[in-house]
Protein backbone atom coordinates (compact mmCIF):
# COMPACT_ATOMS: atom_id res chain seq x y z
CA UNK A 1 -14.88 -39.19 -18.10
CA UNK A 2 -13.70 -38.71 -21.67
CA UNK A 3 -12.74 -41.44 -24.16
CA UNK A 4 -12.41 -40.94 -27.90
CA UNK A 5 -15.16 -42.99 -29.56
CA UNK A 6 -14.01 -45.20 -32.42
CA UNK A 7 -16.69 -43.86 -34.76
CA UNK A 8 -15.79 -40.25 -33.99
CA UNK A 9 -12.67 -40.24 -36.11
CA UNK A 10 -12.27 -36.52 -36.67
CA UNK A 11 -11.17 -34.45 -33.69
CA UNK A 12 -13.52 -31.64 -34.80
CA UNK A 13 -16.51 -33.98 -34.57
CA UNK A 14 -15.44 -35.26 -31.16
CA UNK A 15 -15.00 -31.71 -29.87
CA UNK A 16 -18.42 -30.82 -31.24
CA UNK A 17 -19.98 -33.79 -29.50
CA UNK A 18 -18.25 -32.99 -26.19
CA UNK A 19 -19.62 -29.45 -26.34
CA UNK A 20 -23.11 -30.79 -26.93
CA UNK A 21 -22.79 -33.19 -23.98
CA UNK A 22 -21.45 -30.47 -21.66
CA UNK A 23 -24.26 -28.11 -22.70
CA UNK A 24 -26.78 -30.83 -21.96
CA UNK A 25 -25.36 -31.61 -18.50
CA UNK A 26 -25.02 -27.93 -17.54
CA UNK A 27 -28.60 -27.24 -18.63
CA UNK A 28 -30.21 -30.31 -17.07
CA UNK A 29 -28.01 -30.66 -13.93
CA UNK A 30 -28.71 -34.38 -14.22
CA UNK A 31 -26.25 -37.21 -14.81
CA UNK A 32 -25.46 -37.33 -18.54
CA UNK A 33 -23.64 -40.04 -20.49
CA UNK A 34 -22.89 -40.92 -24.10
CA UNK A 35 -23.16 -44.53 -25.17
CA UNK A 36 -21.39 -45.50 -28.35
CA UNK A 37 -22.87 -48.27 -30.46
CA UNK A 38 -21.74 -51.52 -28.90
CA UNK A 39 -22.91 -50.43 -25.42
CA UNK A 40 -19.70 -48.64 -24.42
CA UNK A 41 -19.74 -45.48 -22.30
CA UNK A 42 -17.34 -42.97 -23.86
CA UNK A 43 -18.37 -39.82 -21.91
CA UNK A 44 -20.14 -39.15 -18.61
CA UNK A 45 -20.69 -36.30 -16.18
CA UNK A 46 -22.46 -35.97 -12.82
CA UNK A 47 -22.11 -39.67 -12.00
CA UNK A 48 -24.10 -40.83 -8.95
CA UNK A 49 -22.78 -44.01 -7.36
CA UNK A 50 -25.28 -46.84 -7.08
CA UNK A 51 -25.07 -48.52 -3.64
CA UNK A 52 -23.56 -52.00 -3.81
CA UNK A 53 -26.76 -53.92 -2.84
CA UNK A 54 -28.68 -52.16 -5.65
CA UNK A 55 -26.15 -52.61 -8.44
CA UNK A 56 -27.65 -55.86 -9.60
CA UNK A 57 -30.92 -54.02 -10.23
CA UNK A 58 -29.82 -50.59 -11.51
CA UNK A 59 -26.24 -50.85 -12.83
CA UNK A 60 -27.13 -51.97 -16.37
CA UNK A 61 -30.32 -49.93 -16.76
CA UNK A 62 -28.86 -47.33 -19.12
CA UNK A 63 -27.15 -49.93 -21.30
CA UNK A 64 -30.54 -51.55 -21.75
CA UNK A 65 -32.09 -48.17 -22.63
CA UNK A 66 -29.37 -47.57 -25.21
CA UNK A 67 -30.05 -50.93 -26.85
CA UNK A 68 -33.76 -50.11 -26.86
CA UNK A 69 -33.10 -46.72 -28.43
CA UNK A 70 -30.64 -47.88 -31.07
CA UNK A 71 -33.46 -50.01 -32.51
CA UNK A 72 -36.19 -47.37 -32.11
CA UNK A 73 -37.67 -45.36 -34.95
CA UNK A 74 -37.95 -42.19 -32.85
CA UNK A 75 -34.97 -39.89 -32.48
CA UNK A 76 -35.79 -38.97 -28.87
CA UNK A 77 -37.28 -41.22 -26.18
CA UNK A 78 -38.53 -40.51 -22.67
CA UNK A 79 -38.15 -43.64 -20.55
CA UNK A 80 -40.09 -44.44 -17.37
CA UNK A 81 -39.39 -47.54 -15.29
CA UNK A 82 -41.20 -49.45 -12.59
CA UNK A 83 -38.35 -48.40 -10.28
CA UNK A 84 -39.71 -44.83 -10.72
CA UNK A 85 -36.34 -43.94 -12.27
CA UNK A 86 -36.72 -41.88 -15.44
CA UNK A 87 -34.40 -41.10 -18.35
CA UNK A 88 -34.30 -39.10 -21.59
CA UNK A 89 -32.31 -40.42 -24.54
CA UNK A 90 -31.43 -39.04 -27.94
CA UNK A 91 -29.84 -40.83 -30.90
CA UNK A 92 -26.93 -39.12 -32.65
CA UNK A 93 -25.95 -39.67 -36.27
CA UNK A 94 -23.22 -38.69 -38.69
CA UNK A 95 -25.13 -38.58 -41.92
CA UNK A 96 -27.12 -41.80 -41.84
CA UNK A 97 -24.62 -43.65 -39.60
CA UNK A 98 -25.71 -44.18 -36.00
CA UNK A 99 -23.00 -42.97 -33.58
CA UNK A 100 -24.62 -43.65 -30.24
CA UNK A 101 -27.06 -42.22 -27.71
CA UNK A 102 -27.04 -39.45 -25.14
CA UNK A 103 -28.84 -40.57 -21.98
CA UNK A 104 -29.89 -38.04 -19.32
CA UNK A 105 -30.85 -39.59 -15.98
CA UNK A 106 -31.83 -41.06 -13.68
CA UNK A 107 -34.21 -38.44 -12.31
CA UNK A 108 -37.40 -38.63 -10.25
CA UNK A 109 -40.87 -37.25 -10.92
CA UNK A 110 -42.18 -38.11 -7.45
CA UNK A 111 -40.82 -37.22 -4.03
CA UNK A 112 -38.89 -40.24 -2.65
CA UNK A 113 -41.20 -40.83 0.32
CA UNK A 114 -41.48 -43.99 2.40
CA UNK A 115 -44.75 -44.74 0.63
CA UNK A 116 -43.02 -44.57 -2.75
CA UNK A 117 -40.34 -46.97 -1.51
CA UNK A 118 -43.08 -49.43 -0.53
CA UNK A 119 -44.57 -49.17 -4.04
CA UNK A 120 -41.19 -49.76 -5.69
CA UNK A 121 -40.45 -52.77 -3.48
CA UNK A 122 -43.86 -54.30 -4.16
CA UNK A 123 -44.04 -53.50 -7.88
CA UNK A 124 -40.56 -54.90 -8.57
CA UNK A 125 -40.64 -57.85 -6.20
CA UNK A 126 -37.69 -56.53 -4.20
CA UNK A 127 -36.70 -57.64 -0.72
CA UNK A 128 -38.00 -55.41 2.07
CA UNK A 129 -34.53 -55.14 3.68
CA UNK A 130 -33.48 -52.94 0.72
CA UNK A 131 -35.88 -50.16 1.78
CA UNK A 132 -33.41 -47.98 3.77
CA UNK A 133 -30.79 -48.34 1.02
CA UNK A 134 -33.34 -47.46 -1.66
CA UNK A 135 -34.41 -44.42 0.37
CA UNK A 136 -30.86 -43.11 0.75
CA UNK A 137 -30.08 -43.61 -2.94
CA UNK A 138 -33.30 -41.99 -4.16
CA UNK A 139 -32.72 -38.97 -1.90
CA UNK A 140 -29.49 -38.34 -3.83
CA UNK A 141 -31.31 -38.18 -7.20
CA UNK A 142 -32.66 -34.97 -8.78
CA UNK A 143 -36.41 -34.39 -8.48
CA UNK A 144 -37.94 -32.51 -11.43
CA UNK A 145 -41.40 -31.90 -12.93
CA UNK A 146 -42.90 -32.81 -16.31
CA UNK A 147 -42.29 -29.29 -17.63
CA UNK A 148 -38.57 -29.60 -16.93
CA UNK A 149 -38.58 -32.99 -18.69
CA UNK A 150 -40.14 -31.41 -21.78
CA UNK A 151 -37.68 -28.49 -21.64
CA UNK A 152 -34.68 -30.84 -21.46
CA UNK A 153 -36.08 -32.95 -24.30
CA UNK A 154 -36.61 -29.92 -26.53
CA UNK A 155 -33.17 -28.55 -25.60
CA UNK A 156 -31.52 -31.86 -26.45
CA UNK A 157 -33.38 -32.12 -29.76
CA UNK A 158 -32.45 -28.54 -30.67
CA UNK A 159 -28.77 -29.06 -29.86
CA UNK A 160 -28.63 -32.29 -31.86
CA UNK A 161 -30.16 -30.64 -34.91
CA UNK A 162 -28.04 -27.50 -34.59
CA UNK A 163 -24.86 -29.58 -34.38
CA UNK A 164 -26.04 -31.61 -37.40
CA UNK A 165 -25.87 -34.84 -35.38
CA UNK A 166 -29.47 -35.72 -36.07
CA UNK A 167 -30.64 -37.34 -39.28
CA UNK A 168 -34.14 -35.89 -39.12
CA UNK A 169 -36.17 -33.13 -37.47
CA UNK A 170 -37.80 -33.87 -34.13
CA UNK A 171 -41.42 -32.87 -33.63
CA UNK A 172 -42.65 -35.42 -31.09
CA UNK A 173 -41.11 -37.54 -28.35
CA UNK A 174 -41.90 -41.18 -27.82
CA UNK A 175 -42.60 -42.42 -24.29
CA UNK A 176 -41.41 -45.92 -23.35
CA UNK A 177 -42.19 -47.79 -20.10
CA UNK A 178 -40.36 -50.74 -18.52
CA UNK A 179 -41.45 -53.15 -15.80
CA UNK A 180 -38.84 -55.11 -13.82
CA UNK A 181 -41.04 -57.02 -11.42
CA UNK A 182 -39.30 -60.34 -12.08
CA UNK A 183 -35.36 -59.11 -11.69
CA UNK A 184 -15.02 -40.33 0.33
CA UNK A 185 -13.16 -37.26 -0.88
CA UNK A 186 -11.68 -38.28 2.40
CA UNK A 187 -9.86 -35.23 3.49
CA UNK A 188 -6.60 -35.27 1.59
CA UNK A 189 -5.06 -31.96 2.59
CA UNK A 190 -1.88 -30.71 4.18
CA UNK A 191 -1.31 -31.22 7.88
CA UNK A 192 -3.24 -28.63 9.85
CA UNK A 193 -1.40 -25.39 10.57
CA UNK A 194 -1.67 -25.10 14.32
CA UNK A 195 0.10 -21.78 14.76
CA UNK A 196 -3.20 -19.89 14.96
CA UNK A 197 -4.56 -22.09 17.76
CA UNK A 198 -3.34 -22.36 21.32
CA UNK A 199 -2.94 -25.85 22.82
CA UNK A 200 -5.90 -25.17 25.12
CA UNK A 201 -8.20 -24.39 22.16
CA UNK A 202 -7.03 -27.48 20.31
CA UNK A 203 -7.60 -29.66 23.38
CA UNK A 204 -11.09 -28.24 23.87
CA UNK A 205 -12.02 -28.81 20.23
CA UNK A 206 -10.93 -32.45 20.40
CA UNK A 207 -12.68 -32.95 23.74
CA UNK A 208 -15.97 -31.69 22.31
CA UNK A 209 -15.52 -33.75 19.16
CA UNK A 210 -14.97 -36.91 21.21
CA UNK A 211 -17.97 -36.07 23.37
CA UNK A 212 -20.15 -35.71 20.27
CA UNK A 213 -18.88 -38.98 18.76
CA UNK A 214 -19.50 -40.75 22.06
CA UNK A 215 -23.12 -39.54 22.02
CA UNK A 216 -23.54 -40.78 18.44
CA UNK A 217 -21.93 -44.13 19.31
CA UNK A 218 -24.48 -44.62 22.09
CA UNK A 219 -27.39 -43.43 19.92
CA UNK A 220 -28.53 -41.09 22.70
CA UNK A 221 -30.87 -38.73 20.84
CA UNK A 222 -31.95 -36.80 23.94
CA UNK A 223 -28.33 -36.13 24.94
CA UNK A 224 -27.48 -35.07 21.38
CA UNK A 225 -30.37 -32.59 21.40
CA UNK A 226 -29.11 -31.08 24.66
CA UNK A 227 -25.47 -31.06 23.47
CA UNK A 228 -26.34 -29.09 20.34
CA UNK A 229 -28.86 -26.87 22.13
CA UNK A 230 -26.23 -25.86 24.70
CA UNK A 231 -23.97 -24.69 21.88
CA UNK A 232 -21.30 -27.15 22.93
CA UNK A 233 -20.48 -27.68 19.25
CA UNK A 234 -20.26 -24.29 17.56
CA UNK A 235 -19.99 -23.38 13.90
CA UNK A 236 -16.52 -21.83 14.20
CA UNK A 237 -14.65 -24.62 15.94
CA UNK A 238 -12.58 -25.28 12.82
CA UNK A 239 -10.47 -22.69 10.98
CA UNK A 240 -10.63 -22.51 7.20
CA UNK A 241 -7.96 -24.62 5.53
CA UNK A 242 -8.45 -22.64 2.31
CA UNK A 243 -9.17 -19.01 3.32
CA UNK A 244 -9.62 -18.01 -0.32
CA UNK A 245 -12.22 -20.76 -0.86
CA UNK A 246 -14.35 -21.10 2.30
CA UNK A 247 -16.91 -23.32 0.55
CA UNK A 248 -14.26 -25.87 -0.48
CA UNK A 249 -12.77 -25.71 3.01
CA UNK A 250 -16.12 -26.36 4.67
CA UNK A 251 -16.89 -29.18 2.25
CA UNK A 252 -13.62 -30.91 3.14
CA UNK A 253 -14.34 -30.59 6.85
CA UNK A 254 -17.85 -31.95 6.35
CA UNK A 255 -16.45 -34.94 4.46
CA UNK A 256 -14.19 -35.66 7.44
CA UNK A 257 -17.15 -35.29 9.80
CA UNK A 258 -19.11 -37.79 7.71
CA UNK A 259 -16.26 -40.28 8.04
CA UNK A 260 -15.98 -39.80 11.82
CA UNK A 261 -19.73 -40.20 12.27
CA UNK A 262 -19.67 -43.33 10.14
CA UNK A 263 -16.99 -44.86 12.35
CA UNK A 264 -18.93 -43.86 15.48
CA UNK A 265 -22.01 -45.65 14.15
CA UNK A 266 -19.90 -48.73 13.41
CA UNK A 267 -18.49 -48.70 16.95
CA UNK A 268 -22.08 -48.30 18.14
CA UNK A 269 -22.90 -51.73 16.74
CA UNK A 270 -24.66 -50.89 13.46
CA UNK A 271 -24.14 -53.29 10.55
CA UNK A 272 -21.94 -51.78 7.75
CA UNK A 273 -24.65 -52.32 5.11
CA UNK A 274 -26.79 -49.63 6.76
CA UNK A 275 -23.85 -47.29 7.49
CA UNK A 276 -22.53 -47.43 3.92
CA UNK A 277 -25.89 -46.37 2.53
CA UNK A 278 -26.26 -43.26 4.70
CA UNK A 279 -22.56 -42.33 4.33
CA UNK A 280 -22.78 -42.45 0.53
CA UNK A 281 -25.91 -40.28 0.57
CA UNK A 282 -24.22 -37.59 2.66
CA UNK A 283 -21.03 -37.65 0.54
CA UNK A 284 -23.13 -36.79 -2.52
CA UNK A 285 -25.09 -34.08 -0.71
CA UNK A 286 -21.89 -32.49 0.64
CA UNK A 287 -20.34 -32.18 -2.81
CA UNK A 288 -23.58 -30.78 -4.25
CA UNK A 289 -23.96 -28.08 -1.58
CA UNK A 290 -23.70 -24.59 -3.05
CA UNK A 291 -23.18 -22.52 0.12
CA UNK A 292 -21.63 -22.65 3.59
CA UNK A 293 -25.14 -22.26 5.03
CA UNK A 294 -26.31 -25.40 3.23
CA UNK A 295 -23.33 -27.30 4.60
CA UNK A 296 -24.04 -26.10 8.16
CA UNK A 297 -27.62 -27.34 7.88
CA UNK A 298 -26.46 -30.61 6.35
CA UNK A 299 -23.96 -31.08 9.19
CA UNK A 300 -26.75 -30.87 11.76
CA UNK A 301 -28.84 -33.32 9.76
CA UNK A 302 -25.90 -35.76 9.74
CA UNK A 303 -25.63 -35.68 13.54
CA UNK A 304 -29.31 -36.50 14.00
CA UNK A 305 -29.50 -39.19 11.31
CA UNK A 306 -26.40 -41.09 12.44
CA UNK A 307 -27.58 -40.90 16.06
CA UNK A 308 -31.02 -42.22 15.08
CA UNK A 309 -29.39 -44.98 13.03
CA UNK A 310 -27.51 -46.23 16.11
CA UNK A 311 -30.58 -45.86 18.31
CA UNK A 312 -32.69 -47.91 15.90
CA UNK A 313 -30.24 -50.56 14.69
CA UNK A 314 -27.42 -50.97 17.22
CA UNK A 315 -26.60 -54.54 18.22
CA UNK A 316 -23.82 -53.57 20.65
CA UNK A 317 -25.59 -54.92 23.77
CA UNK A 318 -25.67 -58.43 22.32
CA UNK A 319 -23.14 -61.22 22.02
CA UNK A 320 -21.73 -62.35 18.68
CA UNK A 321 -24.27 -65.15 18.13
CA UNK A 322 -27.31 -62.96 18.81
CA UNK A 323 -25.90 -60.15 16.64
CA UNK A 324 -25.60 -62.58 13.73
CA UNK A 325 -29.11 -63.89 14.35
CA UNK A 326 -30.71 -60.43 14.47
CA UNK A 327 -28.88 -59.27 11.33
CA UNK A 328 -29.98 -62.41 9.51
CA UNK A 329 -33.57 -61.77 10.58
CA UNK A 330 -33.46 -58.11 9.47
CA UNK A 331 -31.98 -58.94 6.06
CA UNK A 332 -34.43 -61.79 5.43
CA UNK A 333 -37.61 -60.43 7.01
CA UNK A 334 -39.69 -61.11 3.90
CA UNK A 335 -38.56 -64.73 3.65
CA UNK A 336 -39.43 -67.85 5.63
CA UNK A 337 -37.87 -67.61 9.09
CA UNK A 338 -37.75 -70.19 11.85
CA UNK A 339 -35.45 -71.15 14.70
CA UNK A 340 -34.07 -74.00 12.62
CA UNK A 341 -33.43 -71.86 9.50
CA UNK A 342 -31.70 -69.10 11.50
CA UNK A 343 -29.61 -71.55 13.55
CA UNK A 344 -28.33 -73.25 10.39
CA UNK A 345 -27.63 -69.90 8.70
CA UNK A 346 -25.39 -68.69 11.54
CA UNK A 347 -23.91 -72.14 12.37
CA UNK A 348 -25.47 -72.45 15.81
CA UNK A 349 -27.51 -75.14 17.51
CA UNK A 350 -31.24 -74.54 17.88
CA UNK A 351 -31.12 -75.12 21.62
CA UNK A 352 -28.20 -72.76 22.23
CA UNK A 353 -29.63 -70.05 19.96
CA UNK A 354 -33.06 -70.22 21.59
CA UNK A 355 -31.59 -70.13 25.11
CA UNK A 356 -29.18 -67.28 24.37
CA UNK A 357 -31.75 -65.23 22.47
CA UNK A 358 -34.23 -65.41 25.34
CA UNK A 359 -31.50 -64.59 27.85
CA UNK A 360 -30.16 -61.53 25.97
CA UNK A 361 -33.38 -60.05 24.54
CA UNK A 362 -35.98 -61.18 27.10
CA UNK A 363 -38.18 -62.56 24.32
CA UNK A 364 -38.35 -65.60 22.10
CA UNK A 365 -36.89 -65.49 18.61
CA UNK A 366 -40.37 -65.95 17.08
CA UNK A 367 -41.81 -63.06 19.12
CA UNK A 368 -38.87 -60.89 17.99
CA UNK A 369 -39.51 -61.75 14.32
CA UNK A 370 -43.22 -61.01 14.67
CA UNK A 371 -42.54 -57.64 16.33
CA UNK A 372 -40.18 -56.59 13.53
CA UNK A 373 -42.63 -57.71 10.86
CA UNK A 374 -45.59 -55.95 12.48
CA UNK A 375 -43.51 -52.76 12.90
CA UNK A 376 -42.78 -52.79 9.16
CA UNK A 377 -46.43 -53.55 8.41
CA UNK A 378 -47.59 -50.55 10.49
CA UNK A 379 -45.46 -48.25 8.30
CA UNK A 380 -46.83 -49.80 5.11
CA UNK A 381 -50.45 -49.39 6.18
CA UNK A 382 -50.07 -45.67 5.40
CA UNK A 383 -49.92 -46.67 1.75
CA UNK A 384 -53.51 -47.19 0.59
CA UNK A 385 -52.25 -48.64 -2.69
CA UNK A 386 -51.15 -51.80 -0.86
CA UNK A 387 -53.76 -54.35 0.20
CA UNK A 388 -53.56 -56.18 3.52
CA UNK A 389 -52.56 -59.33 1.61
CA UNK A 390 -49.80 -57.40 -0.21
CA UNK A 391 -48.42 -56.09 3.08
CA UNK A 392 -48.58 -59.50 4.73
CA UNK A 393 -46.51 -61.04 1.94
CA UNK A 394 -44.00 -58.17 1.88
CA UNK A 395 -43.22 -58.62 5.58
CA UNK A 396 -42.95 -62.40 5.38
CA UNK A 397 -46.42 -63.80 6.12
CA UNK A 398 -47.69 -66.23 3.49
CA UNK A 399 -50.95 -66.68 5.45
CA UNK A 400 -52.85 -63.37 5.63
CA UNK A 401 -55.16 -64.69 8.37
CA UNK A 402 -52.17 -65.48 10.59
CA UNK A 403 -50.77 -62.00 9.84
CA UNK A 404 -54.06 -60.41 10.96
CA UNK A 405 -54.06 -62.54 14.12
CA UNK A 406 -50.48 -61.52 15.04
CA UNK A 407 -51.19 -57.87 14.19
CA UNK A 408 -54.27 -57.80 16.44
CA UNK A 409 -52.37 -59.50 19.26
CA UNK A 410 -49.64 -56.83 19.01
CA UNK A 411 -51.77 -53.72 18.42
CA UNK A 412 -55.17 -54.68 19.82
CA UNK A 413 -56.94 -54.08 16.50
CA UNK A 414 -56.88 -55.56 12.99
CA UNK A 415 -54.80 -54.01 10.17
CA UNK A 416 -57.97 -52.69 8.48
CA UNK A 417 -59.15 -51.06 11.71
CA UNK A 418 -55.67 -49.59 12.24
CA UNK A 419 -55.69 -48.12 8.72
CA UNK A 420 -59.22 -46.67 9.17
CA UNK A 421 -58.30 -45.12 12.54
CA UNK A 422 -55.19 -43.51 11.08
CA UNK A 423 -57.14 -42.17 8.10
CA UNK A 424 -59.81 -40.69 10.40
CA UNK A 425 -57.16 -39.06 12.57
CA UNK A 426 -55.53 -37.48 9.51
CA UNK A 427 -58.87 -36.16 8.22
CA UNK A 428 -59.66 -34.61 11.60
């Protein structure tokens, strides 16, 4: 994205700035933007889309950093946030006049593990239902080490001084921390040239594709494993649309595959909020792939992840009322939940909801809620940073003693005993 900044009157200065920004992005391989004074983005490269449910938390982060930096004494700042998202920013000047700030980021310094997601949710008071969306988004972000951070910072400082867009020499970098606890290149190509394929080959390719999508739609992981093991879906089922650019051709085909798998998951009864998150992650990874081999490996990963998504979250066996009830429970697991609250939320009577839920799931709505909460708690017990009280609150139990009672009833042991047993097993 390029827009002439109002303060950059001379075309020579604007061209100089663009070169600096391009050098920075090419060196860092991390999203880079230029904020003009007045909090207006006038240049950006490497943009990573923030998933819709996270926009309220992350969308305005960089604007806030720019405001922070425009008032800072230091020329170059390294920002760390309680979201574990990190940024580097540098002020640019023309003489003594402040032009704006280059911001490089977000990037990660820690691997985006499930344990890290738990920390982020707890430290920032986020809802637990955001965890899968957070995970998918964070997997799309670059992971670098402290040495790379220092290298980028020094590179940025050197470029700024060399281009005479800094009003003083940079010898040290200031570190600033923030805590936020309280707040498809869908395939657009010419119609396929079928002259190189016989009707029988075309029919077979579509038959196998439909078979694969049917397996994904049903979330049958065992059948998918066998289907791929048998070689029923080979690497060369599709001809190159761009023979002179096989990487671009394979990327386009993988984008189409991502779309088909997304629709299969939707037909399989998975709520769009979960599908959109995984689809966006794969779109980014497809475009970033640097070889046909990487795309082939990514394609296999897509099959397994979409199939697992359907297996874990499909609501296809249930009627409309129970689907709505289960989705409401999943999206509000950390909040107060009762038969009355859920019935009112989905416009159903308590009696009818209770009767239907028992009939379709073979368990009461309260038992279902407890099972989901305890399942989430079991995952969080791997994180030794979280106390039992923390975990209880994160999964919706305001009374830690009741949480321990339900946990023991479900697993036969208390949360502390469960954590100790798991730790002992890992040590042995």
